[in-house]
Amino acid sequence: MQSLIEQGEKIIPKQWKAEIQSLQAEYDNIGKEKSKTATELAYAEVISYNNENIERELQNENRQHNRQQGRVKWREEEI
């Protein structure tokens, strides 16, 4: 503001109000876009976690199945 006065530019309230309204609309759009991006990021994080969790559960099931197969085989060899 001070630099505009030093440059000799006149301050016109109607132009300033129009500029403020324009900037406010842009600010609102940026806020909506930020909210949308944050939501999409949260979705991506949940999906990533779920994928890792599914892989971990499948590995555990495979280990458990292999142990059971090993126990059955060991018992058959005992007999």
C-alpha atoms as a PDB file:
ATOM      1  CA  MET A   1       0.000   0.000   0.000  1.00  0.00           C
ATOM      2  CA  GLN A   2       2.793   2.385   0.938  1.00  0.00           C
ATOM      3  CA  SER A   3       4.658   1.634  -2.292  1.00  0.00           C
ATOM      4  CA  LEU A   4       1.552   2.502  -4.333  1.00  0.00           C
ATOM      5  CA  ILE A   5       1.261   5.846  -2.593  1.00  0.00           C
ATOM      6  CA  GLU A   6       4.975   6.518  -3.111  1.00  0.00           C
ATOM      7  CA  GLN A   7       4.600   5.767  -6.822  1.00  0.00           C
ATOM      8  CA  GLY A   8       1.835   8.308  -7.023  1.00  0.00           C
ATOM      9  CA  GLU A   9      -0.880   5.809  -7.871  1.00  0.00           C
ATOM     10  CA  LYS A  10      -4.316   6.862  -6.768  1.00  0.00           C
ATOM     11  CA  ILE A  11      -6.273   4.598  -4.481  1.00  0.00           C
ATOM     12  CA  ILE A  12      -9.712   3.954  -5.904  1.00  0.00           C
ATOM     13  CA  PRO A  13     -11.998   2.195  -3.403  1.00  0.00           C
ATOM     14  CA  LYS A  14     -14.210   0.548  -6.045  1.00  0.00           C
ATOM     15  CA  GLN A  15     -11.211  -1.022  -7.772  1.00  0.00           C
ATOM     16  CA  TRP A  16      -9.822  -2.196  -4.457  1.00  0.00           C
ATOM     17  CA  LYS A  17     -13.161  -3.760  -3.503  1.00  0.00           C
ATOM     18  CA  ALA A  18     -13.355  -5.507  -6.879  1.00  0.00           C
ATOM     19  CA  GLU A  19      -9.789  -6.767  -6.431  1.00  0.00           C
ATOM     20  CA  ILE A  20     -10.556  -8.007  -2.929  1.00  0.00           C
ATOM     21  CA  GLN A  21     -13.645  -9.861  -4.160  1.00  0.00           C
ATOM     22  CA  SER A  22     -11.643 -11.418  -6.988  1.00  0.00           C
ATOM     23  CA  LEU A  23      -8.909 -12.500  -4.609  1.00  0.00           C
ATOM     24  CA  GLN A  24     -11.462 -13.848  -2.131  1.00  0.00           C
ATOM     25  CA  ALA A  25     -13.068 -15.967  -4.864  1.00  0.00           C
ATOM     26  CA  GLU A  26      -9.650 -17.283  -5.867  1.00  0.00           C
ATOM     27  CA  TYR A  27      -8.820 -17.989  -2.217  1.00  0.00           C
ATOM     28  CA  ASP A  28     -12.089 -19.922  -1.810  1.00  0.00           C
ATOM     29  CA  ASN A  29     -11.326 -22.004  -4.909  1.00  0.00           C
ATOM     30  CA  ILE A  30      -7.853 -22.764  -3.618  1.00  0.00           C
ATOM     31  CA  GLY A  31      -9.354 -23.820  -0.265  1.00  0.00           C
ATOM     32  CA  LYS A  32     -11.760 -26.210  -2.000  1.00  0.00           C
ATOM     33  CA  GLU A  33      -8.952 -27.634  -4.101  1.00  0.00           C
ATOM     34  CA  LYS A  34      -6.799 -28.061  -0.978  1.00  0.00           C
ATOM     35  CA  SER A  35      -9.607 -29.889   0.788  1.00  0.00           C
ATOM     36  CA  LYS A  36     -10.161 -32.162  -2.204  1.00  0.00           C
ATOM     37  CA  THR A  37      -6.445 -32.937  -2.433  1.00  0.00           C
ATOM     38  CA  ALA A  38      -6.237 -33.719   1.290  1.00  0.00           C
ATOM     39  CA  THR A  39      -9.199 -36.099   0.991  1.00  0.00           C
ATOM     40  CA  GLU A  40      -7.664 -37.861  -2.006  1.00  0.00           C
ATOM     41  CA  LEU A  41      -4.366 -38.176  -0.152  1.00  0.00           C
ATOM     42  CA  ALA A  42      -6.160 -39.736   2.811  1.00  0.00           C
ATOM     43  CA  TYR A  43      -7.867 -42.222   0.473  1.00  0.00           C
ATOM     44  CA  ALA A  44      -4.506 -43.102  -1.081  1.00  0.00           C
ATOM     45  CA  GLU A  45      -2.942 -43.650   2.344  1.00  0.00           C
ATOM     46  CA  VAL A  46      -5.796 -45.937   3.413  1.00  0.00           C
ATOM     47  CA  ILE A  47      -5.549 -47.945   0.191  1.00  0.00           C
ATOM     48  CA  SER A  48      -1.781 -48.256   0.610  1.00  0.00           C
ATOM     49  CA  TYR A  49      -2.183 -49.433   4.208  1.00  0.00           C
ATOM     50  CA  ASN A  50      -4.875 -51.924   3.195  1.00  0.00           C
ATOM     51  CA  ASN A  51      -2.666 -53.355   0.436  1.00  0.00           C
ATOM     52  CA  GLU A  52       0.238 -53.806   2.850  1.00  0.00           C
ATOM     53  CA  ASN A  53      -2.080 -55.357   5.426  1.00  0.00           C
ATOM     54  CA  ILE A  54      -3.534 -57.823   2.908  1.00  0.00           C
ATOM     55  CA  GLU A  55      -0.030 -58.867   1.819  1.00  0.00           C
ATOM     56  CA  ARG A  56       0.981 -59.382   5.442  1.00  0.00           C
ATOM     57  CA  GLU A  57      -2.130 -61.461   6.152  1.00  0.00           C
ATOM     58  CA  LEU A  58      -1.553 -63.614   3.060  1.00  0.00           C
ATOM     59  CA  GLN A  59       2.047 -64.241   4.119  1.00  0.00           C
ATOM     60  CA  ASN A  60       0.863 -65.244   7.589  1.00  0.00           C
ATOM     61  CA  GLU A  61      -1.727 -67.604   6.131  1.00  0.00           C
ATOM     62  CA  ASN A  62       0.897 -69.166   3.862  1.00  0.00           C
ATOM     63  CA  ARG A  63       3.293 -69.632   6.788  1.00  0.00           C
ATOM     64  CA  GLN A  64       0.543 -71.186   8.889  1.00  0.00           C
ATOM     65  CA  HIS A  65      -0.475 -73.503   6.043  1.00  0.00           C
ATOM     66  CA  ASN A  66       3.144 -74.550   5.487  1.00  0.00           C
ATOM     67  CA  ARG A  67       3.578 -75.271   9.213  1.00  0.00           C
ATOM     68  CA  GLN A  68       0.447 -77.396   9.250  1.00  0.00           C
ATOM     69  CA  GLN A  69       1.631 -79.296   6.176  1.00  0.00           C
ATOM     70  CA  GLY A  70       5.008 -79.820   7.827  1.00  0.00           C
ATOM     71  CA  ARG A  71       3.362 -81.141  11.006  1.00  0.00           C
ATOM     72  CA  VAL A  72       1.159 -83.534   9.041  1.00  0.00           C
ATOM     73  CA  LYS A  73       4.147 -84.777   7.084  1.00  0.00           C
ATOM     74  CA  TRP A  74       6.188 -85.152  10.290  1.00  0.00           C
ATOM     75  CA  ARG A  75       3.357 -87.166  11.931  1.00  0.00           C
ATOM     76  CA  GLU A  76       3.046 -89.403   8.881  1.00  0.00           C
ATOM     77  CA  GLU A  77       6.759 -90.121   9.040  1.00  0.00           C
ATOM     78  CA  GLU A  78       6.482 -91.031  12.717  1.00  0.00           C
ATOM     79  CA  ILE A  79       3.842 -93.601  11.964  1.00  0.00           C
END
